[in-house]
Amino acid sequence: MVATKQSLTSEQKSELDRILKEYDYKKSNLIAVLQKVQELYRYLPEEALTYVSVKMNLSPASVFGVATFYSQFSLNPKGKFEIKVCDGTACHVRGSMPVYNAIKKKVGLTGDKITTDCLRFSVETVSCLGACGLAPVVMINDKVYPKMTSDAMTIVLDELMKEDV
């Protein structure tokens, strides 16, 4: 899903100004600013990046360059629940891919699509979650789920599906 370009509302500009002020509009704080913007929107909207570039006196190319260089940033909307399945060696050999496939099937994602249309779930693999002894590991937002199986993950997803978006 690609975000459509829209104008920022005065409320959105005020929120961005608050973030920029918090970091003193310093160029050296660009990554921290982008982290806060992504927290706010769950991705980095193009119009917000343009606004940040103007307010921080940076070229749009510089801001977009940082936003696209680091894998932690996304230019497309993410779901309320960001599911990361480790596919590092320890997790892979202990069955992370069947867990990943079960998650995608359960939330209704096919092919290369990573975010559900309703913006409830985003599912992707990551190279390492730093918990090899707990493999296979899944992280949902900031919570780690160790030694996951497809069946255990289905139970977790059933609970998440009951939550309001």
C-alpha atoms as a PDB file:
ATOM      1  CA  MET A   1       0.000   0.000   0.000  1.00  0.00           C
ATOM      2  CA  VAL A   2       1.509   3.290  -1.027  1.00  0.00           C
ATOM      3  CA  ALA A   3       0.492   6.387   0.862  1.00  0.00           C
ATOM      4  CA  THR A   4      -1.304   9.054  -1.092  1.00  0.00           C
ATOM      5  CA  LYS A   5       0.084  12.563  -0.839  1.00  0.00           C
ATOM      6  CA  GLN A   6      -2.078  14.936   1.139  1.00  0.00           C
ATOM      7  CA  SER A   7      -1.589  18.348   2.695  1.00  0.00           C
ATOM      8  CA  LEU A   8      -0.791  18.512   6.382  1.00  0.00           C
ATOM      9  CA  THR A   9      -3.498  19.890   8.625  1.00  0.00           C
ATOM     10  CA  SER A  10      -2.679  22.710  11.036  1.00  0.00           C
ATOM     11  CA  GLU A  11      -2.956  20.174  13.869  1.00  0.00           C
ATOM     12  CA  GLN A  12      -0.419  17.887  12.175  1.00  0.00           C
ATOM     13  CA  LYS A  13       1.935  20.818  11.581  1.00  0.00           C
ATOM     14  CA  SER A  14       1.641  21.758  15.257  1.00  0.00           C
ATOM     15  CA  GLU A  15       2.509  18.209  16.295  1.00  0.00           C
ATOM     16  CA  LEU A  16       5.505  18.179  13.961  1.00  0.00           C
ATOM     17  CA  ASP A  17       6.593  21.584  15.281  1.00  0.00           C
ATOM     18  CA  ARG A  18       6.414  20.185  18.819  1.00  0.00           C
ATOM     19  CA  ILE A  19       8.688  17.298  17.815  1.00  0.00           C
ATOM     20  CA  LEU A  20      11.108  19.615  15.998  1.00  0.00           C
ATOM     21  CA  LYS A  21      11.238  21.998  18.951  1.00  0.00           C
ATOM     22  CA  GLU A  22      11.925  19.077  21.298  1.00  0.00           C
ATOM     23  CA  TYR A  23      15.077  18.413  19.244  1.00  0.00           C
ATOM     24  CA  ASP A  24      15.957  22.104  18.804  1.00  0.00           C
ATOM     25  CA  TYR A  25      15.639  21.902  15.008  1.00  0.00           C
ATOM     26  CA  LYS A  26      19.243  20.588  14.992  1.00  0.00           C
ATOM     27  CA  LYS A  27      20.372  18.744  11.885  1.00  0.00           C
ATOM     28  CA  SER A  28      22.292  16.312  14.087  1.00  0.00           C
ATOM     29  CA  ASN A  29      18.960  15.210  15.589  1.00  0.00           C
ATOM     30  CA  LEU A  30      17.353  14.246  12.280  1.00  0.00           C
ATOM     31  CA  ILE A  31      17.225  10.517  13.036  1.00  0.00           C
ATOM     32  CA  ALA A  32      15.596  11.145  16.430  1.00  0.00           C
ATOM     33  CA  VAL A  33      13.080  13.495  14.795  1.00  0.00           C
ATOM     34  CA  LEU A  34      12.222  10.891  12.164  1.00  0.00           C
ATOM     35  CA  GLN A  35      11.807   8.250  14.876  1.00  0.00           C
ATOM     36  CA  LYS A  36       9.275  10.468  16.648  1.00  0.00           C
ATOM     37  CA  VAL A  37       7.447  11.245  13.394  1.00  0.00           C
ATOM     38  CA  GLN A  38       7.228   7.542  12.626  1.00  0.00           C
ATOM     39  CA  GLU A  39       5.927   6.878  16.146  1.00  0.00           C
ATOM     40  CA  LEU A  40       3.215   9.449  15.495  1.00  0.00           C
ATOM     41  CA  TYR A  41       2.069   8.123  12.102  1.00  0.00           C
ATOM     42  CA  ARG A  42       3.423   4.518  12.147  1.00  0.00           C
ATOM     43  CA  TYR A  43       5.334   5.483   8.989  1.00  0.00           C
ATOM     44  CA  LEU A  44       6.968   8.561   7.433  1.00  0.00           C
ATOM     45  CA  PRO A  45       4.469  10.380   5.211  1.00  0.00           C
ATOM     46  CA  GLU A  46       6.061  12.259   2.316  1.00  0.00           C
ATOM     47  CA  GLU A  47       4.400  15.516   3.298  1.00  0.00           C
ATOM     48  CA  ALA A  48       5.769  15.211   6.863  1.00  0.00           C
ATOM     49  CA  LEU A  49       9.282  14.582   5.516  1.00  0.00           C
ATOM     50  CA  THR A  50       9.015  17.640   3.297  1.00  0.00           C
ATOM     51  CA  TYR A  51       7.794  19.736   6.237  1.00  0.00           C
ATOM     52  CA  VAL A  52      10.680  18.502   8.406  1.00  0.00           C
ATOM     53  CA  SER A  53      13.192  19.318   5.667  1.00  0.00           C
ATOM     54  CA  VAL A  54      11.926  22.905   5.387  1.00  0.00           C
ATOM     55  CA  LYS A  55      11.805  23.472   9.150  1.00  0.00           C
ATOM     56  CA  MET A  56      15.262  21.959   9.727  1.00  0.00           C
ATOM     57  CA  ASN A  57      16.760  23.826   6.758  1.00  0.00           C
ATOM     58  CA  LEU A  58      17.759  20.573   5.063  1.00  0.00           C
ATOM     59  CA  SER A  59      17.263  19.547   1.471  1.00  0.00           C
ATOM     60  CA  PRO A  60      14.357  17.176   0.888  1.00  0.00           C
ATOM     61  CA  ALA A  61      16.892  14.776  -0.656  1.00  0.00           C
ATOM     62  CA  SER A  62      18.867  14.703   2.605  1.00  0.00           C
ATOM     63  CA  VAL A  63      15.805  13.901   4.690  1.00  0.00           C
ATOM     64  CA  PHE A  64      14.483  11.320   2.219  1.00  0.00           C
ATOM     65  CA  GLY A  65      17.979   9.844   2.017  1.00  0.00           C
ATOM     66  CA  VAL A  66      18.047   9.184   5.755  1.00  0.00           C
ATOM     67  CA  ALA A  67      14.446   7.948   5.718  1.00  0.00           C
ATOM     68  CA  THR A  68      15.203   5.428   2.998  1.00  0.00           C
ATOM     69  CA  PHE A  69      18.684   4.394   4.156  1.00  0.00           C
ATOM     70  CA  TYR A  70      17.723   3.000   7.557  1.00  0.00           C
ATOM     71  CA  SER A  71      15.544  -0.105   7.537  1.00  0.00           C
ATOM     72  CA  GLN A  72      13.785   0.988  10.738  1.00  0.00           C
ATOM     73  CA  PHE A  73      11.971   3.660   8.743  1.00  0.00           C
ATOM     74  CA  SER A  74       9.042   3.057   6.432  1.00  0.00           C
ATOM     75  CA  LEU A  75       7.549   5.306   3.771  1.00  0.00           C
ATOM     76  CA  ASN A  76       4.420   3.152   3.735  1.00  0.00           C
ATOM     77  CA  PRO A  77       1.821   2.811   6.492  1.00  0.00           C
ATOM     78  CA  LYS A  78       2.419   0.030   9.005  1.00  0.00           C
ATOM     79  CA  GLY A  79      -0.150  -1.881  10.960  1.00  0.00           C
ATOM     80  CA  LYS A  80      -1.028  -1.303  14.587  1.00  0.00           C
ATOM     81  CA  PHE A  81       0.676  -4.604  15.309  1.00  0.00           C
ATOM     82  CA  GLU A  82       4.134  -4.834  13.736  1.00  0.00           C
ATOM     83  CA  ILE A  83       5.092  -8.486  13.682  1.00  0.00           C
ATOM     84  CA  LYS A  84       8.750  -9.301  13.111  1.00  0.00           C
ATOM     85  CA  VAL A  85       9.761 -12.908  12.631  1.00  0.00           C
ATOM     86  CA  CYS A  86      13.448 -13.631  13.058  1.00  0.00           C
ATOM     87  CA  ASP A  87      14.941 -15.567  10.157  1.00  0.00           C
ATOM     88  CA  GLY A  88      18.505 -15.627  11.463  1.00  0.00           C
ATOM     89  CA  THR A  89      20.297 -18.970  11.476  1.00  0.00           C
ATOM     90  CA  ALA A  90      19.175 -20.186  14.921  1.00  0.00           C
ATOM     91  CA  CYS A  91      15.554 -19.202  14.319  1.00  0.00           C
ATOM     92  CA  HIS A  92      15.541 -20.513  10.765  1.00  0.00           C
ATOM     93  CA  VAL A  93      16.788 -23.976  11.702  1.00  0.00           C
ATOM     94  CA  ARG A  94      14.244 -24.120  14.538  1.00  0.00           C
ATOM     95  CA  GLY A  95      11.312 -23.408  12.233  1.00  0.00           C
ATOM     96  CA  SER A  96      10.763 -19.673  11.941  1.00  0.00           C
ATOM     97  CA  MET A  97       9.594 -19.838   8.325  1.00  0.00           C
ATOM     98  CA  PRO A  98       6.577 -22.085   9.016  1.00  0.00           C
ATOM     99  CA  VAL A  99       5.676 -19.654  11.830  1.00  0.00           C
ATOM    100  CA  TYR A 100       6.048 -16.706   9.430  1.00  0.00           C
ATOM    101  CA  ASN A 101       3.890 -18.405   6.814  1.00  0.00           C
ATOM    102  CA  ALA A 102       1.230 -19.260   9.414  1.00  0.00           C
ATOM    103  CA  ILE A 103       1.129 -15.631  10.563  1.00  0.00           C
ATOM    104  CA  LYS A 104       0.723 -14.320   7.017  1.00  0.00           C
ATOM    105  CA  LYS A 105      -2.043 -16.820   6.327  1.00  0.00           C
ATOM    106  CA  LYS A 106      -3.861 -16.026   9.585  1.00  0.00           C
ATOM    107  CA  VAL A 107      -3.877 -12.253   8.985  1.00  0.00           C
ATOM    108  CA  GLY A 108      -4.701 -12.642   5.291  1.00  0.00           C
ATOM    109  CA  LEU A 109      -1.489 -11.504   3.605  1.00  0.00           C
ATOM    110  CA  THR A 110      -0.371 -13.040   0.337  1.00  0.00           C
ATOM    111  CA  GLY A 111       2.654 -12.583  -1.871  1.00  0.00           C
ATOM    112  CA  ASP A 112       4.986  -9.703  -1.059  1.00  0.00           C
ATOM    113  CA  LYS A 113       2.335  -7.656   0.744  1.00  0.00           C
ATOM    114  CA  ILE A 114       3.404  -6.899   4.323  1.00  0.00           C
ATOM    115  CA  THR A 115       0.527  -4.792   5.711  1.00  0.00           C
ATOM    116  CA  THR A 116      -3.146  -5.659   5.873  1.00  0.00           C
ATOM    117  CA  ASP A 117      -5.553  -3.275   4.137  1.00  0.00           C
ATOM    118  CA  CYS A 118      -7.180  -2.417   7.472  1.00  0.00           C
ATOM    119  CA  LEU A 119      -3.742  -1.406   8.863  1.00  0.00           C
ATOM    120  CA  ARG A 120      -4.081  -3.825  11.764  1.00  0.00           C
ATOM    121  CA  PHE A 121      -1.054  -6.038  11.004  1.00  0.00           C
ATOM    122  CA  SER A 122       2.333  -5.674   9.334  1.00  0.00           C
ATOM    123  CA  VAL A 123       4.379  -8.856   9.029  1.00  0.00           C
ATOM    124  CA  GLU A 124       8.001  -9.116   7.984  1.00  0.00           C
ATOM    125  CA  THR A 125      11.133 -11.112   8.567  1.00  0.00           C
ATOM    126  CA  VAL A 126      14.214  -9.609  10.202  1.00  0.00           C
ATOM    127  CA  SER A 127      17.770 -10.896  10.218  1.00  0.00           C
ATOM    128  CA  CYS A 128      18.125 -11.079  13.994  1.00  0.00           C
ATOM    129  CA  LEU A 129      16.169 -10.187  17.101  1.00  0.00           C
ATOM    130  CA  GLY A 130      19.114 -10.967  19.396  1.00  0.00           C
ATOM    131  CA  ALA A 131      17.499 -13.873  21.201  1.00  0.00           C
ATOM    132  CA  CYS A 132      19.029 -16.928  19.550  1.00  0.00           C
ATOM    133  CA  GLY A 133      18.666 -19.063  22.681  1.00  0.00           C
ATOM    134  CA  LEU A 134      14.893 -18.528  22.502  1.00  0.00           C
ATOM    135  CA  ALA A 135      14.550 -19.455  18.832  1.00  0.00           C
ATOM    136  CA  PRO A 136      12.337 -19.212  16.942  1.00  0.00           C
ATOM    137  CA  VAL A 137      11.511 -15.700  18.109  1.00  0.00           C
ATOM    138  CA  VAL A 138       8.703 -13.376  17.068  1.00  0.00           C
ATOM    139  CA  MET A 139       8.411  -9.748  18.179  1.00  0.00           C
ATOM    140  CA  ILE A 140       5.092  -7.937  18.122  1.00  0.00           C
ATOM    141  CA  ASN A 141       5.636  -4.237  18.642  1.00  0.00           C
ATOM    142  CA  ASP A 142       8.041  -4.382  21.604  1.00  0.00           C
ATOM    143  CA  LYS A 143       7.000  -7.727  23.080  1.00  0.00           C
ATOM    144  CA  VAL A 144       9.136 -10.814  22.451  1.00  0.00           C
ATOM    145  CA  TYR A 145       7.477 -14.202  21.959  1.00  0.00           C
ATOM    146  CA  PRO A 146      10.085 -16.965  22.457  1.00  0.00           C
ATOM    147  CA  LYS A 147      10.098 -20.529  21.106  1.00  0.00           C
ATOM    148  CA  MET A 148       7.107 -19.880  18.884  1.00  0.00           C
ATOM    149  CA  THR A 149       5.222 -22.497  16.939  1.00  0.00           C
ATOM    150  CA  SER A 150       2.546 -21.974  14.309  1.00  0.00           C
ATOM    151  CA  ASP A 151      -0.136 -23.147  16.751  1.00  0.00           C
ATOM    152  CA  ALA A 152       1.071 -20.889  19.583  1.00  0.00           C
ATOM    153  CA  MET A 153       1.248 -17.930  17.214  1.00  0.00           C
ATOM    154  CA  THR A 154      -2.333 -18.557  16.079  1.00  0.00           C
ATOM    155  CA  ILE A 155      -3.487 -18.230  19.695  1.00  0.00           C
ATOM    156  CA  VAL A 156      -1.574 -14.947  20.092  1.00  0.00           C
ATOM    157  CA  LEU A 157      -3.064 -13.598  16.853  1.00  0.00           C
ATOM    158  CA  ASP A 158      -6.587 -14.613  17.896  1.00  0.00           C
ATOM    159  CA  GLU A 159      -6.160 -12.418  20.998  1.00  0.00           C
ATOM    160  CA  LEU A 160      -4.802  -9.499  18.985  1.00  0.00           C
ATOM    161  CA  MET A 161      -7.685  -9.748  16.551  1.00  0.00           C
ATOM    162  CA  LYS A 162     -10.090  -9.159  19.451  1.00  0.00           C
ATOM    163  CA  GLU A 163      -8.449  -5.798  20.292  1.00  0.00           C
ATOM    164  CA  ASP A 164      -9.794  -2.525  18.946  1.00  0.00           C
ATOM    165  CA  VAL A 165      -7.713  -0.857  16.279  1.00  0.00           C
END
